[in-house]
């Protein structure tokens, strides 16, 4: 289940988040997008898991992919519809119960809100949802343990080694990792890693 305090932050900040992160072209993560789509077939199916304001889902659509967008926040879903014309299914991570449907899953800084105990199960659920050899892009913040940021959002933190190990246990083959530093909604600079893997 979604964390109520985290969801309340996104409900209140949907418009500001969208203006700050969705309406400007995101060149900062261009290498991650390129690494992900390099493993997709032309016109392939993509799940944008935790799509937020919908800017990545819109990019996949505009680049010719068939995209399914999912987010737990009704407010973010409404923003994505109004701003980008993206139909978003309002659902939790646990609701992804699909077998071999997607060529790629873009889990870009969404699963970091899942408790650590639930994370391995989510990875397995996404593995089942990918076609054999399907691509996964996983964006996470680096660190240890669990906690809340200054806005009250819940986060789980991992080392890069933990993430690659958990992905391996869930049946993925890691293709590449990229670390970086950036500021999110809370304004603090944090270190992240984006892992590209295939099923």
N, C-alpha and C. Protein backbone atom coordinates (compact mmCIF):
# COMPACT_ATOMS: atom_id res chain seq x y z
N UNK A 1 0.84 -1.19 0.00
CA UNK A 1 0.00 0.00 0.00
C UNK A 1 0.87 1.25 0.00
N UNK A 2 0.37 2.33 -0.60
CA UNK A 2 1.11 3.58 -0.62
C UNK A 2 1.15 4.20 0.77
N UNK A 3 2.23 4.89 1.04
CA UNK A 3 2.40 5.61 2.29
C UNK A 3 1.55 6.88 2.24
N UNK A 4 0.67 7.07 3.22
CA UNK A 4 -0.29 8.17 3.18
C UNK A 4 0.40 9.53 3.20
N UNK A 5 1.45 9.66 4.01
CA UNK A 5 2.14 10.95 4.11
C UNK A 5 2.83 11.29 2.79
N UNK A 6 3.43 10.29 2.16
CA UNK A 6 4.06 10.50 0.87
C UNK A 6 3.04 10.92 -0.17
N UNK A 7 1.91 10.23 -0.20
CA UNK A 7 0.88 10.54 -1.18
C UNK A 7 0.31 11.94 -0.96
N UNK A 8 0.21 12.35 0.29
CA UNK A 8 -0.30 13.69 0.58
C UNK A 8 0.63 14.76 0.03
N UNK A 9 1.94 14.52 0.10
CA UNK A 9 2.90 15.48 -0.45
C UNK A 9 2.70 15.61 -1.95
N UNK A 10 2.58 14.48 -2.64
CA UNK A 10 2.42 14.53 -4.10
C UNK A 10 1.06 15.12 -4.50
N UNK A 11 0.05 14.88 -3.69
CA UNK A 11 -1.26 15.46 -3.99
C UNK A 11 -1.19 16.98 -3.93
N UNK A 12 -0.51 17.50 -2.94
CA UNK A 12 -0.41 18.95 -2.76
C UNK A 12 0.53 19.58 -3.79
N UNK A 13 1.56 18.83 -4.19
CA UNK A 13 2.62 19.42 -5.01
C UNK A 13 2.55 19.03 -6.48
N UNK A 14 1.47 18.39 -6.92
CA UNK A 14 1.41 17.88 -8.29
C UNK A 14 1.68 18.97 -9.32
N UNK A 15 1.04 20.12 -9.16
CA UNK A 15 1.21 21.20 -10.14
C UNK A 15 2.64 21.74 -10.12
N UNK A 16 3.17 22.01 -8.92
CA UNK A 16 4.54 22.53 -8.83
C UNK A 16 5.55 21.51 -9.32
N UNK A 17 5.32 20.25 -9.00
CA UNK A 17 6.23 19.20 -9.45
C UNK A 17 6.23 19.12 -10.97
N UNK A 18 5.04 19.18 -11.52
CA UNK A 18 4.94 19.12 -12.97
C UNK A 18 5.62 20.29 -13.65
N UNK A 19 5.42 21.48 -13.12
CA UNK A 19 6.04 22.67 -13.70
C UNK A 19 7.56 22.60 -13.60
N UNK A 20 8.04 22.08 -12.47
CA UNK A 20 9.48 22.06 -12.26
C UNK A 20 10.21 20.96 -12.99
N UNK A 21 9.56 19.79 -13.14
CA UNK A 21 10.26 18.62 -13.66
C UNK A 21 9.70 18.10 -14.98
N UNK A 22 8.50 18.48 -15.34
CA UNK A 22 7.88 17.88 -16.51
C UNK A 22 7.87 18.79 -17.74
N UNK A 23 7.74 20.07 -17.54
CA UNK A 23 7.55 20.96 -18.69
C UNK A 23 8.87 21.38 -19.34
N UNK A 24 9.97 21.29 -18.58
CA UNK A 24 11.28 21.55 -19.17
C UNK A 24 11.85 20.24 -19.69
N UNK A 25 12.54 20.27 -20.82
CA UNK A 25 13.11 19.04 -21.38
C UNK A 25 14.18 18.52 -20.44
N UNK A 26 14.09 17.26 -20.07
CA UNK A 26 15.00 16.65 -19.11
C UNK A 26 16.22 16.09 -19.84
N UNK A 27 17.22 16.94 -20.04
CA UNK A 27 18.45 16.47 -20.69
C UNK A 27 19.38 15.80 -19.68
N UNK A 28 19.14 16.03 -18.39
CA UNK A 28 19.98 15.46 -17.34
C UNK A 28 19.96 13.94 -17.39
N UNK A 29 18.81 13.36 -17.72
CA UNK A 29 18.67 11.90 -17.76
C UNK A 29 18.66 11.36 -19.18
N UNK A 30 19.13 12.14 -20.12
CA UNK A 30 19.19 11.68 -21.51
C UNK A 30 19.99 10.39 -21.66
N UNK A 31 21.16 10.23 -20.98
CA UNK A 31 21.88 8.96 -21.11
C UNK A 31 21.07 7.76 -20.63
N UNK A 32 20.25 7.95 -19.62
CA UNK A 32 19.44 6.85 -19.09
C UNK A 32 18.32 6.48 -20.06
N UNK A 33 17.72 7.49 -20.65
CA UNK A 33 16.68 7.23 -21.66
C UNK A 33 17.28 6.49 -22.85
N UNK A 34 18.45 6.94 -23.31
CA UNK A 34 19.11 6.32 -24.46
C UNK A 34 19.46 4.87 -24.17
N UNK A 35 19.98 4.59 -22.97
CA UNK A 35 20.34 3.22 -22.61
C UNK A 35 19.12 2.32 -22.56
N UNK A 36 18.00 2.87 -22.09
CA UNK A 36 16.77 2.09 -21.99
C UNK A 36 16.20 1.76 -23.36
N UNK A 37 16.01 2.77 -24.19
CA UNK A 37 15.35 2.53 -25.48
C UNK A 37 16.25 1.76 -26.44
N UNK A 38 17.56 1.71 -26.17
CA UNK A 38 18.45 0.93 -27.03
C UNK A 38 18.08 -0.54 -27.03
N UNK A 39 17.43 -1.00 -25.95
CA UNK A 39 17.04 -2.40 -25.87
C UNK A 39 15.60 -2.66 -26.24
N UNK A 40 14.89 -1.66 -26.77
CA UNK A 40 13.48 -1.82 -27.12
C UNK A 40 13.31 -2.02 -28.61
N UNK A 41 12.35 -2.85 -29.01
CA UNK A 41 12.04 -2.94 -30.45
C UNK A 41 11.28 -1.70 -30.90
N UNK A 42 11.34 -1.41 -32.17
CA UNK A 42 10.62 -0.27 -32.72
C UNK A 42 9.13 -0.45 -32.46
N UNK A 43 8.51 0.58 -31.90
CA UNK A 43 7.09 0.52 -31.62
C UNK A 43 6.73 -0.40 -30.47
N UNK A 44 7.71 -0.72 -29.61
CA UNK A 44 7.49 -1.67 -28.52
C UNK A 44 6.60 -1.12 -27.42
N UNK A 45 6.24 -2.01 -26.49
CA UNK A 45 5.36 -1.67 -25.38
C UNK A 45 6.18 -1.30 -24.16
N UNK A 46 5.81 -0.20 -23.51
CA UNK A 46 6.53 0.31 -22.35
C UNK A 46 5.55 0.56 -21.21
N UNK A 47 5.93 0.12 -20.01
CA UNK A 47 5.21 0.47 -18.79
C UNK A 47 5.99 1.56 -18.08
N UNK A 48 5.38 2.72 -17.90
CA UNK A 48 5.96 3.79 -17.09
C UNK A 48 5.37 3.65 -15.70
N UNK A 49 6.15 3.05 -14.80
CA UNK A 49 5.68 2.71 -13.45
C UNK A 49 5.97 3.85 -12.49
N UNK A 50 4.91 4.47 -11.99
CA UNK A 50 5.09 5.65 -11.16
C UNK A 50 5.40 6.84 -12.05
N UNK A 51 4.53 7.08 -13.00
CA UNK A 51 4.80 8.04 -14.08
C UNK A 51 4.78 9.49 -13.62
N UNK A 52 4.24 9.76 -12.41
CA UNK A 52 4.21 11.12 -11.92
C UNK A 52 3.44 12.04 -12.87
N UNK A 53 4.02 13.18 -13.24
CA UNK A 53 3.29 14.13 -14.08
C UNK A 53 3.17 13.71 -15.54
N UNK A 54 3.81 12.61 -15.93
CA UNK A 54 3.57 12.04 -17.25
C UNK A 54 4.52 12.45 -18.35
N UNK A 55 5.59 13.17 -18.02
CA UNK A 55 6.47 13.68 -19.08
C UNK A 55 7.25 12.57 -19.78
N UNK A 56 7.67 11.54 -19.03
CA UNK A 56 8.38 10.44 -19.70
C UNK A 56 7.41 9.61 -20.53
N UNK A 57 6.22 9.36 -19.99
CA UNK A 57 5.22 8.61 -20.76
C UNK A 57 4.91 9.32 -22.08
N UNK A 58 4.82 10.64 -22.03
CA UNK A 58 4.57 11.41 -23.24
C UNK A 58 5.73 11.28 -24.22
N UNK A 59 6.93 11.24 -23.70
CA UNK A 59 8.08 11.10 -24.59
C UNK A 59 8.08 9.73 -25.25
N UNK A 60 7.81 8.69 -24.49
CA UNK A 60 7.73 7.35 -25.11
C UNK A 60 6.67 7.34 -26.20
N UNK A 61 5.52 7.89 -25.91
CA UNK A 61 4.44 7.94 -26.91
C UNK A 61 4.90 8.71 -28.15
N UNK A 62 5.49 9.86 -27.94
CA UNK A 62 5.90 10.70 -29.06
C UNK A 62 7.02 10.06 -29.89
N UNK A 63 7.79 9.18 -29.24
CA UNK A 63 8.86 8.49 -29.95
C UNK A 63 8.40 7.19 -30.59
N UNK A 64 7.10 6.93 -30.55
CA UNK A 64 6.54 5.81 -31.29
C UNK A 64 6.32 4.54 -30.50
N UNK A 65 6.49 4.59 -29.18
CA UNK A 65 6.26 3.40 -28.36
C UNK A 65 4.81 3.39 -27.86
N UNK A 66 4.33 2.21 -27.56
CA UNK A 66 2.99 2.04 -26.98
C UNK A 66 3.15 2.02 -25.47
N UNK A 67 2.70 3.06 -24.82
CA UNK A 67 3.01 3.25 -23.41
C UNK A 67 1.78 3.05 -22.54
N UNK A 68 1.98 2.35 -21.43
CA UNK A 68 1.00 2.24 -20.35
C UNK A 68 1.56 3.00 -19.17
N UNK A 69 0.82 3.98 -18.67
CA UNK A 69 1.27 4.80 -17.56
C UNK A 69 0.49 4.46 -16.30
N UNK A 70 1.23 4.29 -15.19
CA UNK A 70 0.62 3.92 -13.91
C UNK A 70 1.19 4.83 -12.82
N UNK A 71 0.32 5.32 -11.94
CA UNK A 71 0.79 6.09 -10.78
C UNK A 71 -0.23 5.93 -9.67
N UNK A 72 0.25 6.00 -8.43
CA UNK A 72 -0.65 5.85 -7.29
C UNK A 72 -1.38 7.14 -6.94
N UNK A 73 -0.95 8.27 -7.51
CA UNK A 73 -1.51 9.57 -7.16
C UNK A 73 -2.57 10.01 -8.16
N UNK A 74 -3.83 10.14 -7.74
CA UNK A 74 -4.86 10.64 -8.64
C UNK A 74 -4.55 12.05 -9.15
N UNK A 75 -3.90 12.86 -8.31
CA UNK A 75 -3.58 14.22 -8.70
C UNK A 75 -2.52 14.24 -9.80
N UNK A 76 -1.52 13.38 -9.69
CA UNK A 76 -0.52 13.27 -10.75
C UNK A 76 -1.15 12.75 -12.03
N UNK A 77 -2.04 11.78 -11.90
CA UNK A 77 -2.73 11.24 -13.07
C UNK A 77 -3.53 12.33 -13.78
N UNK A 78 -4.21 13.18 -13.01
CA UNK A 78 -4.98 14.26 -13.60
C UNK A 78 -4.07 15.26 -14.31
N UNK A 79 -2.92 15.55 -13.70
CA UNK A 79 -1.96 16.47 -14.32
C UNK A 79 -1.45 15.91 -15.64
N UNK A 80 -1.12 14.62 -15.65
CA UNK A 80 -0.62 13.98 -16.87
C UNK A 80 -1.65 14.02 -17.99
N UNK A 81 -2.91 13.84 -17.62
CA UNK A 81 -3.99 13.89 -18.61
C UNK A 81 -4.16 15.29 -19.17
N UNK A 82 -4.18 16.27 -18.28
CA UNK A 82 -4.42 17.66 -18.68
C UNK A 82 -3.25 18.23 -19.48
N UNK A 83 -2.02 17.90 -19.07
CA UNK A 83 -0.84 18.52 -19.66
C UNK A 83 -0.35 17.80 -20.90
N UNK A 84 -0.39 16.45 -20.87
CA UNK A 84 0.20 15.67 -21.96
C UNK A 84 -0.78 14.78 -22.70
N UNK A 85 -2.04 14.76 -22.25
CA UNK A 85 -3.00 13.87 -22.88
C UNK A 85 -2.73 12.41 -22.60
N UNK A 86 -2.07 12.12 -21.48
CA UNK A 86 -1.72 10.75 -21.11
C UNK A 86 -2.79 10.18 -20.18
N UNK A 87 -3.35 9.04 -20.57
CA UNK A 87 -4.29 8.33 -19.70
C UNK A 87 -3.49 7.50 -18.70
N UNK A 88 -3.65 7.77 -17.43
CA UNK A 88 -2.88 7.11 -16.38
C UNK A 88 -3.80 6.21 -15.56
N UNK A 89 -3.38 4.98 -15.40
CA UNK A 89 -4.10 4.07 -14.50
C UNK A 89 -3.64 4.35 -13.08
N UNK A 90 -4.56 4.70 -12.20
CA UNK A 90 -4.23 4.93 -10.80
C UNK A 90 -4.17 3.58 -10.10
N UNK A 91 -2.96 3.18 -9.70
CA UNK A 91 -2.77 1.85 -9.13
C UNK A 91 -1.50 1.84 -8.30
N UNK A 92 -1.38 0.82 -7.46
CA UNK A 92 -0.22 0.61 -6.59
C UNK A 92 0.77 -0.34 -7.28
N UNK A 93 1.97 -0.40 -6.75
CA UNK A 93 2.96 -1.34 -7.28
C UNK A 93 2.43 -2.77 -7.23
N UNK A 94 1.71 -3.08 -6.16
CA UNK A 94 1.19 -4.44 -5.97
C UNK A 94 0.16 -4.83 -7.01
N UNK A 95 -0.40 -3.85 -7.70
CA UNK A 95 -1.45 -4.12 -8.67
C UNK A 95 -0.90 -4.58 -10.03
N UNK A 96 0.41 -4.55 -10.20
CA UNK A 96 1.01 -4.96 -11.47
C UNK A 96 1.08 -6.49 -11.49
N UNK A 97 0.03 -7.10 -11.97
CA UNK A 97 -0.06 -8.56 -12.02
C UNK A 97 -0.29 -8.96 -13.48
N UNK A 98 0.76 -8.89 -14.28
CA UNK A 98 0.67 -9.12 -15.72
C UNK A 98 1.81 -10.05 -16.12
N UNK A 99 1.57 -10.93 -17.05
CA UNK A 99 2.60 -11.85 -17.52
C UNK A 99 3.05 -11.48 -18.94
N UNK A 100 4.37 -11.27 -19.09
CA UNK A 100 5.02 -11.15 -20.40
C UNK A 100 4.28 -10.19 -21.35
N UNK A 101 4.05 -8.98 -20.88
CA UNK A 101 3.31 -8.00 -21.69
C UNK A 101 4.17 -6.88 -22.24
N UNK A 102 5.22 -6.49 -21.50
CA UNK A 102 5.95 -5.28 -21.85
C UNK A 102 7.36 -5.58 -22.37
N UNK A 103 7.76 -4.81 -23.39
CA UNK A 103 9.13 -4.88 -23.88
C UNK A 103 10.07 -4.11 -22.96
N UNK A 104 9.54 -3.15 -22.23
CA UNK A 104 10.35 -2.37 -21.32
C UNK A 104 9.54 -1.82 -20.17
N UNK A 105 10.18 -1.69 -19.01
CA UNK A 105 9.55 -1.07 -17.85
C UNK A 105 10.48 0.05 -17.36
N UNK A 106 9.92 1.23 -17.29
CA UNK A 106 10.63 2.44 -16.86
C UNK A 106 10.21 2.72 -15.42
N UNK A 107 10.99 2.25 -14.46
CA UNK A 107 10.70 2.43 -13.03
C UNK A 107 11.65 3.51 -12.52
N UNK A 108 11.34 4.73 -12.89
CA UNK A 108 12.28 5.84 -12.74
C UNK A 108 11.98 6.63 -11.48
N UNK A 109 12.68 6.28 -10.40
CA UNK A 109 12.53 6.96 -9.12
C UNK A 109 11.12 6.87 -8.59
N UNK A 110 10.56 5.67 -8.69
CA UNK A 110 9.24 5.39 -8.12
C UNK A 110 9.33 4.31 -7.04
N UNK A 111 10.05 3.23 -7.34
CA UNK A 111 10.16 2.13 -6.38
C UNK A 111 10.96 2.51 -5.13
N UNK A 112 11.61 3.66 -5.15
CA UNK A 112 12.32 4.11 -3.94
C UNK A 112 11.36 4.46 -2.82
N UNK A 113 10.06 4.56 -3.13
CA UNK A 113 9.05 4.79 -2.09
C UNK A 113 8.51 3.49 -1.49
N UNK A 114 8.95 2.35 -2.00
CA UNK A 114 8.48 1.06 -1.47
C UNK A 114 9.33 0.65 -0.28
N UNK A 115 8.73 0.11 0.78
CA UNK A 115 9.52 -0.41 1.89
C UNK A 115 10.52 -1.47 1.43
N UNK A 116 11.64 -1.54 2.10
CA UNK A 116 12.69 -2.48 1.71
C UNK A 116 12.18 -3.92 1.71
N UNK A 117 11.32 -4.26 2.67
CA UNK A 117 10.81 -5.63 2.75
C UNK A 117 9.97 -6.00 1.52
N UNK A 118 9.36 -5.01 0.89
CA UNK A 118 8.49 -5.27 -0.26
C UNK A 118 9.24 -5.24 -1.59
N UNK A 119 10.42 -4.66 -1.59
CA UNK A 119 11.13 -4.39 -2.83
C UNK A 119 11.44 -5.64 -3.65
N UNK A 120 11.97 -6.73 -3.05
CA UNK A 120 12.24 -7.93 -3.86
C UNK A 120 11.00 -8.47 -4.57
N UNK A 121 9.86 -8.42 -3.89
CA UNK A 121 8.63 -8.88 -4.52
C UNK A 121 8.22 -8.02 -5.71
N UNK A 122 8.45 -6.72 -5.60
CA UNK A 122 8.14 -5.83 -6.73
C UNK A 122 9.04 -6.15 -7.92
N UNK A 123 10.31 -6.42 -7.66
CA UNK A 123 11.22 -6.76 -8.76
C UNK A 123 10.77 -8.03 -9.47
N UNK A 124 10.33 -9.02 -8.71
CA UNK A 124 9.84 -10.26 -9.30
C UNK A 124 8.56 -10.01 -10.11
N UNK A 125 7.69 -9.17 -9.58
CA UNK A 125 6.43 -8.86 -10.26
C UNK A 125 6.71 -8.18 -11.61
N UNK A 126 7.68 -7.28 -11.62
CA UNK A 126 8.04 -6.60 -12.87
C UNK A 126 8.72 -7.55 -13.84
N UNK A 127 9.51 -8.47 -13.31
CA UNK A 127 10.18 -9.45 -14.17
C UNK A 127 9.14 -10.28 -14.92
N UNK A 128 8.09 -10.67 -14.21
CA UNK A 128 7.02 -11.45 -14.85
C UNK A 128 6.29 -10.63 -15.90
N UNK A 129 6.20 -9.33 -15.69
CA UNK A 129 5.47 -8.47 -16.62
C UNK A 129 6.26 -8.20 -17.90
N UNK A 130 7.57 -8.44 -17.87
CA UNK A 130 8.40 -8.22 -19.06
C UNK A 130 8.38 -9.45 -19.97
N UNK A 131 8.47 -9.20 -21.27
CA UNK A 131 8.69 -10.31 -22.20
C UNK A 131 10.11 -10.82 -21.97
N UNK A 132 10.43 -12.05 -22.37
CA UNK A 132 11.80 -12.54 -22.23
C UNK A 132 12.78 -11.60 -22.92
N UNK A 133 13.80 -11.19 -22.17
CA UNK A 133 14.77 -10.25 -22.70
C UNK A 133 14.35 -8.80 -22.60
N UNK A 134 13.17 -8.54 -22.01
CA UNK A 134 12.67 -7.17 -21.88
C UNK A 134 13.57 -6.32 -21.01
N UNK A 135 13.49 -5.03 -21.21
CA UNK A 135 14.40 -4.07 -20.59
C UNK A 135 13.78 -3.40 -19.37
N UNK A 136 14.61 -3.19 -18.34
CA UNK A 136 14.19 -2.46 -17.14
C UNK A 136 15.14 -1.31 -16.89
N UNK A 137 14.57 -0.12 -16.62
CA UNK A 137 15.36 1.00 -16.14
C UNK A 137 14.89 1.32 -14.73
N UNK A 138 15.81 1.24 -13.77
CA UNK A 138 15.48 1.40 -12.36
C UNK A 138 16.29 2.57 -11.79
N UNK A 139 15.60 3.64 -11.42
CA UNK A 139 16.25 4.79 -10.80
C UNK A 139 16.00 4.79 -9.31
N UNK A 140 17.08 4.88 -8.52
CA UNK A 140 16.98 4.84 -7.06
C UNK A 140 17.97 5.82 -6.45
N UNK A 141 17.71 6.22 -5.20
CA UNK A 141 18.66 7.05 -4.47
C UNK A 141 19.59 6.14 -3.66
N UNK A 142 20.85 6.54 -3.58
CA UNK A 142 21.84 5.74 -2.87
C UNK A 142 21.86 6.13 -1.39
N UNK A 143 22.08 5.11 -0.55
CA UNK A 143 22.16 5.34 0.88
C UNK A 143 21.89 4.05 1.64
N UNK A 144 21.48 4.21 2.89
CA UNK A 144 21.22 3.06 3.74
C UNK A 144 19.88 3.22 4.45
N UNK A 145 19.20 2.10 4.64
CA UNK A 145 18.01 2.08 5.47
C UNK A 145 16.80 2.73 4.84
N UNK A 146 15.90 3.20 5.73
CA UNK A 146 14.66 3.84 5.33
C UNK A 146 14.50 5.14 6.11
N UNK A 147 13.74 6.06 5.56
CA UNK A 147 13.51 7.31 6.28
C UNK A 147 12.64 8.25 5.48
N UNK A 148 12.44 9.45 6.02
CA UNK A 148 11.63 10.47 5.38
C UNK A 148 12.49 11.69 5.05
N UNK A 149 12.14 12.34 3.94
CA UNK A 149 12.84 13.56 3.60
C UNK A 149 12.20 14.73 4.32
N UNK A 150 12.67 15.95 4.04
CA UNK A 150 12.17 17.12 4.76
C UNK A 150 10.72 17.43 4.44
N UNK A 151 10.18 16.86 3.36
CA UNK A 151 8.77 17.05 3.02
C UNK A 151 7.88 15.97 3.63
N UNK A 152 8.51 14.95 4.22
CA UNK A 152 7.75 13.88 4.85
C UNK A 152 7.57 12.65 3.98
N UNK A 153 8.17 12.63 2.79
CA UNK A 153 8.04 11.46 1.91
C UNK A 153 8.90 10.30 2.41
N UNK A 154 8.35 9.10 2.32
CA UNK A 154 9.07 7.89 2.74
C UNK A 154 10.00 7.42 1.62
N UNK A 155 11.22 7.06 1.99
CA UNK A 155 12.19 6.53 1.03
C UNK A 155 12.89 5.30 1.59
N UNK A 156 13.23 4.40 0.67
CA UNK A 156 14.16 3.30 0.97
C UNK A 156 15.43 3.55 0.18
N UNK A 157 16.55 3.36 0.83
CA UNK A 157 17.85 3.64 0.21
C UNK A 157 18.65 2.35 0.09
N UNK A 158 19.48 2.28 -0.96
CA UNK A 158 20.28 1.09 -1.23
C UNK A 158 21.66 1.52 -1.72
N UNK A 159 22.61 0.61 -1.57
CA UNK A 159 23.88 0.79 -2.27
C UNK A 159 23.73 0.23 -3.68
N UNK A 160 24.62 0.64 -4.56
CA UNK A 160 24.60 0.11 -5.92
C UNK A 160 24.79 -1.40 -5.91
N UNK A 161 25.65 -1.89 -5.02
CA UNK A 161 25.90 -3.33 -4.93
C UNK A 161 24.66 -4.09 -4.48
N UNK A 162 23.92 -3.52 -3.52
CA UNK A 162 22.66 -4.13 -3.10
C UNK A 162 21.68 -4.25 -4.26
N UNK A 163 21.54 -3.18 -5.00
CA UNK A 163 20.58 -3.17 -6.10
C UNK A 163 20.92 -4.19 -7.17
N UNK A 164 22.19 -4.23 -7.57
CA UNK A 164 22.56 -5.19 -8.60
C UNK A 164 22.41 -6.61 -8.08
N UNK A 165 22.67 -6.82 -6.79
CA UNK A 165 22.48 -8.15 -6.21
C UNK A 165 21.02 -8.56 -6.19
N UNK A 166 20.15 -7.64 -5.79
CA UNK A 166 18.72 -7.94 -5.75
C UNK A 166 18.17 -8.18 -7.14
N UNK A 167 18.64 -7.41 -8.10
CA UNK A 167 18.21 -7.63 -9.48
C UNK A 167 18.65 -9.00 -9.98
N UNK A 168 19.87 -9.39 -9.67
CA UNK A 168 20.35 -10.70 -10.07
C UNK A 168 19.53 -11.82 -9.46
N UNK A 169 19.20 -11.68 -8.18
CA UNK A 169 18.38 -12.69 -7.50
C UNK A 169 17.00 -12.80 -8.14
N UNK A 170 16.47 -11.67 -8.63
CA UNK A 170 15.14 -11.67 -9.25
C UNK A 170 15.17 -12.12 -10.71
N UNK A 171 16.36 -12.42 -11.23
CA UNK A 171 16.44 -12.98 -12.58
C UNK A 171 16.85 -12.01 -13.67
N UNK A 172 17.28 -10.79 -13.28
CA UNK A 172 17.71 -9.81 -14.27
C UNK A 172 19.21 -9.92 -14.54
N UNK A 173 19.61 -9.48 -15.71
CA UNK A 173 21.01 -9.30 -16.05
C UNK A 173 21.28 -7.81 -16.14
N UNK A 174 22.18 -7.31 -15.31
CA UNK A 174 22.48 -5.88 -15.30
C UNK A 174 23.37 -5.55 -16.49
N UNK A 175 22.96 -4.55 -17.27
CA UNK A 175 23.70 -4.13 -18.45
C UNK A 175 24.60 -2.94 -18.16
N UNK A 176 24.10 -1.99 -17.37
CA UNK A 176 24.89 -0.80 -17.08
C UNK A 176 24.34 -0.11 -15.85
N UNK A 177 25.17 0.72 -15.22
CA UNK A 177 24.75 1.57 -14.12
C UNK A 177 25.33 2.97 -14.35
N UNK A 178 24.61 3.96 -13.89
CA UNK A 178 25.11 5.33 -13.97
C UNK A 178 24.76 6.06 -12.70
N UNK A 179 25.78 6.64 -12.06
CA UNK A 179 25.57 7.45 -10.87
C UNK A 179 25.55 8.93 -11.24
N UNK A 180 24.86 9.70 -10.41
CA UNK A 180 24.84 11.14 -10.60
C UNK A 180 24.35 11.82 -9.34
N UNK A 181 24.29 13.13 -9.37
CA UNK A 181 23.78 13.92 -8.27
C UNK A 181 22.76 14.91 -8.81
N UNK A 182 21.67 15.07 -8.10
CA UNK A 182 20.65 15.99 -8.55
C UNK A 182 19.76 16.43 -7.41
N UNK A 183 18.99 17.50 -7.65
CA UNK A 183 18.06 18.02 -6.67
C UNK A 183 16.64 17.63 -7.06
N UNK A 184 15.90 17.14 -6.09
CA UNK A 184 14.52 16.78 -6.31
C UNK A 184 13.57 17.82 -5.75
N UNK A 185 12.35 17.41 -5.49
CA UNK A 185 11.31 18.31 -5.02
C UNK A 185 11.67 18.96 -3.69
N UNK A 186 12.40 18.23 -2.83
CA UNK A 186 12.77 18.76 -1.52
C UNK A 186 13.92 19.75 -1.59
N UNK A 187 14.60 19.81 -2.74
CA UNK A 187 15.65 20.80 -2.92
C UNK A 187 17.04 20.39 -2.51
N UNK A 188 17.19 19.23 -1.89
CA UNK A 188 18.51 18.77 -1.44
C UNK A 188 19.20 17.99 -2.56
N UNK A 189 20.49 18.19 -2.69
CA UNK A 189 21.27 17.42 -3.67
C UNK A 189 21.53 16.03 -3.11
N UNK A 190 21.19 15.01 -3.89
CA UNK A 190 21.36 13.62 -3.45
C UNK A 190 21.98 12.81 -4.57
N UNK A 191 22.66 11.73 -4.18
CA UNK A 191 23.29 10.84 -5.15
C UNK A 191 22.30 9.75 -5.54
N UNK A 192 22.24 9.49 -6.84
CA UNK A 192 21.33 8.48 -7.35
C UNK A 192 22.09 7.50 -8.23
N UNK A 193 21.43 6.40 -8.53
CA UNK A 193 21.95 5.46 -9.53
C UNK A 193 20.80 5.03 -10.42
N UNK A 194 21.07 4.91 -11.70
CA UNK A 194 20.12 4.36 -12.66
C UNK A 194 20.71 3.07 -13.19
N UNK A 195 20.00 1.97 -13.00
CA UNK A 195 20.45 0.66 -13.44
C UNK A 195 19.63 0.24 -14.65
N UNK A 196 20.29 -0.15 -15.70
CA UNK A 196 19.63 -0.71 -16.88
C UNK A 196 19.89 -2.21 -16.90
N UNK A 197 18.84 -2.99 -17.00
CA UNK A 197 18.96 -4.45 -16.94
C UNK A 197 17.95 -5.07 -17.89
N UNK A 198 18.12 -6.37 -18.17
CA UNK A 198 17.09 -7.06 -18.95
C UNK A 198 16.70 -8.36 -18.27
N UNK A 199 15.50 -8.79 -18.58
CA UNK A 199 14.94 -10.00 -17.97
C UNK A 199 15.55 -11.25 -18.58
